[in-house]
C-alpha cells in the first residue's frame, strides 16, 4: 500500500485576527497556521464563547434559558411598574399624569414582547401579571 494515501490530507487554516485572545495586537505579517484533518470534527465556536474563563467569570446562560429569575430583571420590572403606578395616582406635590403612566406601561409591554421565549417561567408570569394589573388600573383611573 501507498503510505501517502493512508494519511488524511491536511487543510490549511489561516488566522487573520488582528488581536490575540489577551487583546494584544498580533503581527499580521506571520499569520498563525493550523492544520486539521478533514475527518476530524470542527471546533464549535459557540461552545468556546460560553465556557467560563477566569477573566470573564461564569459562563452566561444560552438564550431561551428557563433557570432562576434574574434579580436585575425583577428590579427593572419593579422600577417601571412603580413609576407607572406613581404617575397614575400622583403624590403630594405631583399630580397624576396618565399619559406618562401609559408610556411606562408601554415600555413594560415592549419588554415583554422583545423577551418572549427568553425568560424564566417565573419572570414571564411576573411580567404578564404586572402588565395586566397596570393596564386594568390605568383603565379604571382614566
N, C-alpha and C. Protein backbone atom coordinates (compact mmCIF):
# COMPACT_ATOMS: atom_id res chain seq x y z
N UNK A 1 0.82 -1.20 0.00
CA UNK A 1 0.00 0.00 0.00
C UNK A 1 0.85 1.24 0.00
N UNK A 2 0.30 2.29 -0.55
CA UNK A 2 0.99 3.57 -0.63
C UNK A 2 0.75 4.33 0.67
N UNK A 3 1.80 4.75 1.38
CA UNK A 3 1.67 5.44 2.66
C UNK A 3 1.07 6.83 2.50
N UNK A 4 1.23 7.46 1.34
CA UNK A 4 0.68 8.79 1.12
C UNK A 4 -0.83 8.78 1.16
N UNK A 5 -1.46 7.67 0.75
CA UNK A 5 -2.92 7.59 0.75
C UNK A 5 -3.47 7.27 2.14
N UNK A 6 -2.67 6.69 3.03
CA UNK A 6 -3.17 6.33 4.36
C UNK A 6 -3.31 7.56 5.27
N UNK A 7 -2.53 8.58 5.02
CA UNK A 7 -2.65 9.80 5.81
C UNK A 7 -3.72 10.71 5.20
N UNK A 8 -4.61 11.27 6.05
CA UNK A 8 -5.62 12.18 5.51
C UNK A 8 -4.97 13.48 5.05
N UNK A 9 -5.51 14.06 3.98
CA UNK A 9 -4.95 15.32 3.51
C UNK A 9 -5.17 16.41 4.57
N UNK A 10 -4.30 17.37 4.61
CA UNK A 10 -4.38 18.44 5.59
C UNK A 10 -4.98 19.69 4.96
N UNK A 11 -5.71 20.41 5.79
CA UNK A 11 -6.32 21.66 5.36
C UNK A 11 -5.59 22.81 6.04
N UNK A 12 -5.28 23.82 5.29
CA UNK A 12 -4.58 24.97 5.84
C UNK A 12 -5.61 26.01 6.30
N UNK A 13 -5.50 26.41 7.56
CA UNK A 13 -6.38 27.42 8.14
C UNK A 13 -5.52 28.60 8.54
N UNK A 14 -5.86 29.78 8.05
CA UNK A 14 -5.09 30.98 8.35
C UNK A 14 -5.89 31.86 9.30
N UNK A 15 -5.29 32.17 10.44
CA UNK A 15 -5.92 33.04 11.43
C UNK A 15 -5.60 34.48 11.07
N UNK A 16 -6.63 35.25 10.69
CA UNK A 16 -6.42 36.63 10.25
C UNK A 16 -6.89 37.65 11.28
N UNK A 17 -7.08 37.21 12.52
CA UNK A 17 -7.49 38.15 13.56
C UNK A 17 -6.36 39.13 13.84
N UNK A 18 -6.72 40.35 14.16
CA UNK A 18 -5.72 41.39 14.39
C UNK A 18 -5.27 41.44 15.85
N UNK A 19 -6.03 40.76 16.76
CA UNK A 19 -5.70 40.77 18.17
C UNK A 19 -5.69 39.35 18.72
N UNK A 20 -4.83 39.10 19.69
CA UNK A 20 -4.78 37.79 20.33
C UNK A 20 -5.92 37.67 21.34
N UNK A 21 -6.05 36.49 21.94
CA UNK A 21 -7.10 36.27 22.94
C UNK A 21 -6.91 37.18 24.15
N UNK A 22 -5.69 37.60 24.41
CA UNK A 22 -5.41 38.50 25.52
C UNK A 22 -5.65 39.96 25.16
N UNK A 23 -5.96 40.26 23.89
CA UNK A 23 -6.24 41.61 23.45
C UNK A 23 -5.02 42.37 22.95
N UNK A 24 -3.91 41.67 22.80
CA UNK A 24 -2.70 42.32 22.30
C UNK A 24 -2.65 42.24 20.78
N UNK A 25 -2.12 43.27 20.12
CA UNK A 25 -2.02 43.23 18.66
C UNK A 25 -1.15 42.07 18.20
N UNK A 26 -1.55 41.46 17.09
CA UNK A 26 -0.82 40.34 16.51
C UNK A 26 -0.11 40.83 15.26
N UNK A 27 1.12 40.37 15.06
CA UNK A 27 1.87 40.72 13.87
C UNK A 27 1.20 40.04 12.68
N UNK A 28 0.63 40.83 11.76
CA UNK A 28 -0.12 40.27 10.64
C UNK A 28 0.79 39.77 9.52
N UNK A 29 2.08 40.01 9.61
CA UNK A 29 3.00 39.53 8.57
C UNK A 29 3.13 38.01 8.65
N UNK A 30 3.03 37.43 9.85
CA UNK A 30 3.14 36.00 10.04
C UNK A 30 1.84 35.46 10.60
N UNK A 31 0.89 35.06 9.73
CA UNK A 31 -0.37 34.52 10.26
C UNK A 31 -0.16 33.16 10.92
N UNK A 32 -0.93 32.90 11.93
CA UNK A 32 -0.87 31.61 12.60
C UNK A 32 -1.55 30.59 11.71
N UNK A 33 -0.89 29.47 11.47
CA UNK A 33 -1.43 28.45 10.58
C UNK A 33 -1.68 27.19 11.39
N UNK A 34 -2.90 26.67 11.27
CA UNK A 34 -3.26 25.42 11.93
C UNK A 34 -3.65 24.43 10.84
N UNK A 35 -3.38 23.16 11.09
CA UNK A 35 -3.79 22.15 10.12
C UNK A 35 -4.68 21.15 10.82
N UNK A 36 -5.74 20.74 10.12
CA UNK A 36 -6.66 19.74 10.66
C UNK A 36 -6.97 18.73 9.58
N UNK A 37 -7.31 17.55 9.99
CA UNK A 37 -7.70 16.52 9.05
C UNK A 37 -9.17 16.69 8.70
N UNK A 38 -9.59 16.40 7.47
CA UNK A 38 -10.98 16.58 7.09
C UNK A 38 -11.94 15.70 7.88
N UNK A 39 -11.50 14.56 8.39
CA UNK A 39 -12.38 13.67 9.13
C UNK A 39 -12.64 14.13 10.55
N UNK A 40 -11.79 15.02 11.08
CA UNK A 40 -11.97 15.46 12.47
C UNK A 40 -13.07 16.51 12.55
N UNK A 41 -13.85 16.47 13.62
CA UNK A 41 -14.95 17.43 13.73
C UNK A 41 -14.43 18.83 13.96
N UNK A 42 -15.07 19.83 13.36
CA UNK A 42 -14.63 21.20 13.58
C UNK A 42 -14.97 21.63 15.00
N UNK A 43 -14.18 22.55 15.52
CA UNK A 43 -14.44 23.07 16.86
C UNK A 43 -15.66 23.96 16.82
N UNK A 44 -16.47 23.91 17.86
CA UNK A 44 -17.68 24.71 17.96
C UNK A 44 -17.35 26.06 18.58
N UNK A 45 -17.41 27.17 17.81
CA UNK A 45 -17.07 28.48 18.38
C UNK A 45 -18.05 28.91 19.45
N UNK A 46 -19.30 28.44 19.40
CA UNK A 46 -20.27 28.82 20.43
C UNK A 46 -19.90 28.19 21.77
N UNK A 47 -19.44 26.96 21.74
CA UNK A 47 -19.06 26.29 22.98
C UNK A 47 -17.88 26.99 23.62
N UNK A 48 -16.98 27.50 22.81
CA UNK A 48 -15.82 28.19 23.33
C UNK A 48 -16.21 29.52 23.96
N UNK A 49 -17.16 30.25 23.37
CA UNK A 49 -17.56 31.54 23.90
C UNK A 49 -18.39 31.41 25.16
N UNK A 50 -19.10 30.28 25.34
CA UNK A 50 -19.94 30.10 26.52
C UNK A 50 -19.16 29.53 27.70
N UNK A 51 -17.93 29.07 27.47
CA UNK A 51 -17.15 28.48 28.54
C UNK A 51 -16.70 29.55 29.53
N UNK A 52 -16.57 29.16 30.78
CA UNK A 52 -16.14 30.10 31.81
C UNK A 52 -14.63 30.25 31.73
N UNK A 53 -14.16 31.47 31.85
CA UNK A 53 -12.74 31.74 31.91
C UNK A 53 -12.48 32.58 33.15
N UNK A 54 -11.28 32.55 33.67
CA UNK A 54 -11.01 33.34 34.86
C UNK A 54 -11.24 34.83 34.64
N UNK A 55 -10.98 35.31 33.42
CA UNK A 55 -11.13 36.74 33.16
C UNK A 55 -12.59 37.15 33.02
N UNK A 56 -13.41 36.27 32.42
CA UNK A 56 -14.78 36.67 32.12
C UNK A 56 -15.77 36.25 33.18
N UNK A 57 -15.38 35.40 34.13
CA UNK A 57 -16.31 34.97 35.17
C UNK A 57 -17.10 33.77 34.69
N UNK A 58 -18.25 33.52 35.30
CA UNK A 58 -19.03 32.35 34.94
C UNK A 58 -19.61 32.46 33.55
N UNK A 59 -19.90 31.32 32.97
CA UNK A 59 -20.48 31.28 31.63
C UNK A 59 -21.88 31.87 31.66
N UNK A 60 -22.25 32.57 30.60
CA UNK A 60 -23.59 33.13 30.52
C UNK A 60 -24.52 32.07 30.00
N UNK A 61 -25.76 32.04 30.50
CA UNK A 61 -26.68 31.02 30.02
C UNK A 61 -27.06 31.25 28.57
N UNK A 62 -27.37 30.19 27.89
CA UNK A 62 -27.77 30.28 26.49
C UNK A 62 -29.12 30.96 26.38
N UNK A 63 -29.41 31.61 25.23
CA UNK A 63 -30.72 32.21 25.07
C UNK A 63 -31.82 31.17 25.22
N UNK A 64 -32.92 31.58 25.79
CA UNK A 64 -34.03 30.68 25.99
C UNK A 64 -33.91 29.86 27.26
N UNK A 65 -33.02 30.27 28.19
CA UNK A 65 -32.87 29.50 29.41
C UNK A 65 -34.13 29.59 30.26
N UNK A 66 -34.35 28.57 31.05
CA UNK A 66 -35.53 28.53 31.92
C UNK A 66 -35.09 28.40 33.37
N UNK A 67 -34.01 29.08 33.75
CA UNK A 67 -33.46 28.97 35.10
C UNK A 67 -34.18 29.85 36.09
N UNK A 68 -33.46 30.23 37.12
CA UNK A 68 -34.00 31.06 38.18
C UNK A 68 -34.21 32.49 37.68
N UNK A 69 -35.16 33.21 38.29
CA UNK A 69 -35.39 34.60 37.89
C UNK A 69 -34.14 35.46 38.12
N UNK A 70 -33.89 36.36 37.22
CA UNK A 70 -32.75 37.26 37.30
C UNK A 70 -33.11 38.45 38.18
N UNK A 71 -32.30 38.72 39.19
CA UNK A 71 -32.57 39.83 40.10
C UNK A 71 -32.60 41.18 39.38
N UNK A 72 -31.65 41.48 38.48
CA UNK A 72 -31.73 42.77 37.77
C UNK A 72 -33.01 42.90 36.93
N UNK A 73 -33.46 41.80 36.33
CA UNK A 73 -34.68 41.84 35.54
C UNK A 73 -35.88 42.16 36.43
N UNK A 74 -35.95 41.48 37.58
CA UNK A 74 -37.05 41.72 38.52
C UNK A 74 -37.03 43.17 39.01
N UNK A 75 -35.84 43.70 39.27
CA UNK A 75 -35.73 45.09 39.72
C UNK A 75 -36.17 46.06 38.63
N UNK A 76 -35.84 45.76 37.38
CA UNK A 76 -36.25 46.61 36.26
C UNK A 76 -37.76 46.65 36.14
N UNK A 77 -38.40 45.48 36.22
CA UNK A 77 -39.86 45.41 36.13
C UNK A 77 -40.48 46.17 37.30
N UNK A 78 -39.95 45.98 38.50
CA UNK A 78 -40.48 46.66 39.69
C UNK A 78 -40.32 48.18 39.57
N UNK A 79 -39.19 48.63 39.04
CA UNK A 79 -38.95 50.06 38.90
C UNK A 79 -39.94 50.69 37.91
N UNK A 80 -40.10 50.07 36.75
CA UNK A 80 -41.02 50.61 35.75
C UNK A 80 -42.47 50.55 36.24
N UNK A 81 -42.83 49.46 36.92
CA UNK A 81 -44.19 49.34 37.44
C UNK A 81 -44.45 50.37 38.54
N UNK A 82 -43.48 50.59 39.39
CA UNK A 82 -43.61 51.59 40.45
C UNK A 82 -43.77 52.99 39.89
N UNK A 83 -43.00 53.31 38.87
CA UNK A 83 -43.11 54.62 38.22
C UNK A 83 -44.49 54.79 37.59
N UNK A 84 -44.97 53.75 36.92
CA UNK A 84 -46.28 53.82 36.28
C UNK A 84 -47.37 54.03 37.33
N UNK A 85 -47.30 53.32 38.43
CA UNK A 85 -48.30 53.45 39.48
C UNK A 85 -48.26 54.84 40.11
N UNK A 86 -47.06 55.33 40.36
CA UNK A 86 -46.92 56.67 40.94
C UNK A 86 -47.49 57.73 39.99
N UNK A 87 -47.24 57.57 38.72
CA UNK A 87 -47.77 58.52 37.74
C UNK A 87 -49.28 58.41 37.59
N UNK A 88 -49.83 57.25 37.86
CA UNK A 88 -51.29 57.08 37.77
C UNK A 88 -52.01 57.73 38.95
N UNK A 89 -51.47 57.61 40.15
CA UNK A 89 -52.15 58.12 41.34
C UNK A 89 -51.65 59.49 41.77
N UNK A 90 -50.45 59.85 41.39
CA UNK A 90 -49.88 61.12 41.81
C UNK A 90 -49.28 61.00 43.20
N UNK A 91 -48.77 62.11 43.71
CA UNK A 91 -48.17 62.17 45.05
C UNK A 91 -48.49 63.53 45.63
N UNK A 92 -47.87 63.88 46.76
CA UNK A 92 -48.16 65.16 47.42
C UNK A 92 -48.03 66.35 46.47
N UNK A 93 -46.87 66.50 45.90
CA UNK A 93 -46.62 67.65 45.02
C UNK A 93 -46.62 67.27 43.55
N UNK A 94 -47.02 66.04 43.25
CA UNK A 94 -47.00 65.55 41.88
C UNK A 94 -48.41 65.15 41.46
N UNK A 95 -49.00 65.86 40.50
CA UNK A 95 -50.33 65.46 40.05
C UNK A 95 -50.27 64.17 39.23
N UNK A 96 -51.39 63.50 39.12
CA UNK A 96 -51.46 62.28 38.30
C UNK A 96 -51.18 62.64 36.85
N UNK A 97 -50.43 61.79 36.18
CA UNK A 97 -50.06 62.01 34.78
C UNK A 97 -50.32 60.72 34.00
N UNK A 98 -51.58 60.50 33.61
CA UNK A 98 -51.90 59.23 32.94
C UNK A 98 -51.15 59.01 31.63
N UNK A 99 -50.86 60.07 30.90
CA UNK A 99 -50.14 59.90 29.63
C UNK A 99 -48.72 59.36 29.88
N UNK A 100 -48.06 59.88 30.91
CA UNK A 100 -46.71 59.39 31.25
C UNK A 100 -46.78 57.97 31.80
N UNK A 101 -47.83 57.69 32.57
CA UNK A 101 -48.01 56.34 33.09
C UNK A 101 -48.20 55.35 31.93
N UNK A 102 -48.94 55.77 30.93
CA UNK A 102 -49.16 54.91 29.76
C UNK A 102 -47.84 54.61 29.05
N UNK A 103 -46.93 55.57 29.02
CA UNK A 103 -45.61 55.33 28.41
C UNK A 103 -44.85 54.25 29.18
N UNK A 104 -44.89 54.31 30.52
CA UNK A 104 -44.21 53.30 31.33
C UNK A 104 -44.82 51.92 31.10
N UNK A 105 -46.15 51.87 31.01
CA UNK A 105 -46.83 50.61 30.76
C UNK A 105 -46.45 50.08 29.37
N UNK A 106 -46.35 50.97 28.41
CA UNK A 106 -45.92 50.57 27.06
C UNK A 106 -44.50 50.04 27.06
N UNK A 107 -43.61 50.64 27.88
CA UNK A 107 -42.24 50.14 27.98
C UNK A 107 -42.23 48.70 28.49
N UNK A 108 -43.06 48.43 29.49
CA UNK A 108 -43.16 47.07 30.00
C UNK A 108 -43.72 46.12 28.94
N UNK A 109 -44.66 46.61 28.14
CA UNK A 109 -45.20 45.80 27.05
C UNK A 109 -44.14 45.47 26.01
N UNK A 110 -43.31 46.44 25.68
CA UNK A 110 -42.22 46.21 24.73
C UNK A 110 -41.23 45.21 25.32
N UNK A 111 -40.94 45.36 26.61
CA UNK A 111 -40.04 44.43 27.28
C UNK A 111 -40.58 43.00 27.21
N UNK A 112 -41.88 42.85 27.42
CA UNK A 112 -42.50 41.53 27.35
C UNK A 112 -42.41 40.97 25.92
N UNK A 113 -42.67 41.81 24.95
CA UNK A 113 -42.65 41.38 23.54
C UNK A 113 -41.25 40.98 23.10
N UNK A 114 -40.26 41.77 23.45
CA UNK A 114 -38.90 41.53 22.98
C UNK A 114 -38.19 40.40 23.71
N UNK A 115 -38.66 40.07 24.92
CA UNK A 115 -38.02 38.99 25.67
C UNK A 115 -38.82 37.70 25.62
N UNK A 116 -39.88 37.65 24.82
CA UNK A 116 -40.72 36.46 24.74
C UNK A 116 -39.88 35.25 24.35
N UNK A 117 -40.00 34.19 25.12
CA UNK A 117 -39.24 32.97 24.86
C UNK A 117 -37.87 32.94 25.48
N UNK A 118 -37.40 34.05 26.02
CA UNK A 118 -36.06 34.12 26.60
C UNK A 118 -36.09 34.30 28.12
N UNK A 119 -37.27 34.28 28.71
CA UNK A 119 -37.38 34.50 30.15
C UNK A 119 -37.62 33.18 30.88
N UNK A 120 -37.22 33.17 32.14
CA UNK A 120 -37.58 32.05 33.01
C UNK A 120 -39.09 32.10 33.19
N UNK A 121 -39.69 30.97 33.51
CA UNK A 121 -41.14 30.91 33.65
C UNK A 121 -41.66 31.92 34.68
N UNK A 122 -40.96 32.03 35.81
CA UNK A 122 -41.37 32.98 36.85
C UNK A 122 -41.29 34.42 36.37
N UNK A 123 -40.25 34.73 35.60
CA UNK A 123 -40.10 36.09 35.07
C UNK A 123 -41.24 36.43 34.12
N UNK A 124 -41.57 35.50 33.23
CA UNK A 124 -42.63 35.73 32.25
C UNK A 124 -43.98 35.91 32.96
N UNK A 125 -44.25 35.09 33.95
CA UNK A 125 -45.51 35.19 34.70
C UNK A 125 -45.59 36.52 35.44
N UNK A 126 -44.49 36.91 36.08
CA UNK A 126 -44.47 38.18 36.82
C UNK A 126 -44.73 39.35 35.88
N UNK A 127 -44.03 39.39 34.76
CA UNK A 127 -44.18 40.49 33.82
C UNK A 127 -45.60 40.54 33.27
N UNK A 128 -46.16 39.41 32.93
CA UNK A 128 -47.52 39.35 32.42
C UNK A 128 -48.52 39.82 33.47
N UNK A 129 -48.33 39.40 34.70
CA UNK A 129 -49.22 39.79 35.79
C UNK A 129 -49.15 41.29 36.08
N UNK A 130 -47.94 41.81 36.13
CA UNK A 130 -47.75 43.25 36.39
C UNK A 130 -48.40 44.07 35.28
N UNK A 131 -48.20 43.65 34.04
CA UNK A 131 -48.80 44.37 32.91
C UNK A 131 -50.32 44.34 32.98
N UNK A 132 -50.89 43.20 33.29
CA UNK A 132 -52.35 43.09 33.40
C UNK A 132 -52.88 44.02 34.48
N UNK A 133 -52.23 44.01 35.65
CA UNK A 133 -52.67 44.86 36.77
C UNK A 133 -52.55 46.34 36.43
N UNK A 134 -51.44 46.74 35.83
CA UNK A 134 -51.25 48.16 35.49
C UNK A 134 -52.23 48.61 34.41
N UNK A 135 -52.46 47.77 33.42
CA UNK A 135 -53.41 48.14 32.36
C UNK A 135 -54.83 48.27 32.92
N UNK A 136 -55.20 47.37 33.82
CA UNK A 136 -56.52 47.45 34.44
C UNK A 136 -56.64 48.71 35.29
N UNK A 137 -55.62 49.00 36.07
CA UNK A 137 -55.60 50.19 36.92
C UNK A 137 -55.66 51.46 36.07
N UNK A 138 -54.93 51.45 34.95
CA UNK A 138 -54.93 52.61 34.05
C UNK A 138 -56.36 52.87 33.51
N UNK A 139 -57.03 51.79 33.11
CA UNK A 139 -58.39 51.95 32.58
C UNK A 139 -59.36 52.45 33.65
N UNK A 140 -59.17 52.03 34.89
CA UNK A 140 -60.02 52.49 35.98
C UNK A 140 -59.78 53.97 36.29
N UNK A 141 -58.54 54.40 36.19
CA UNK A 141 -58.18 55.79 36.54
C UNK A 141 -58.47 56.77 35.41
N UNK A 142 -58.59 56.30 34.21
CA UNK A 142 -58.75 57.16 33.05
C UNK A 142 -60.12 57.78 32.98
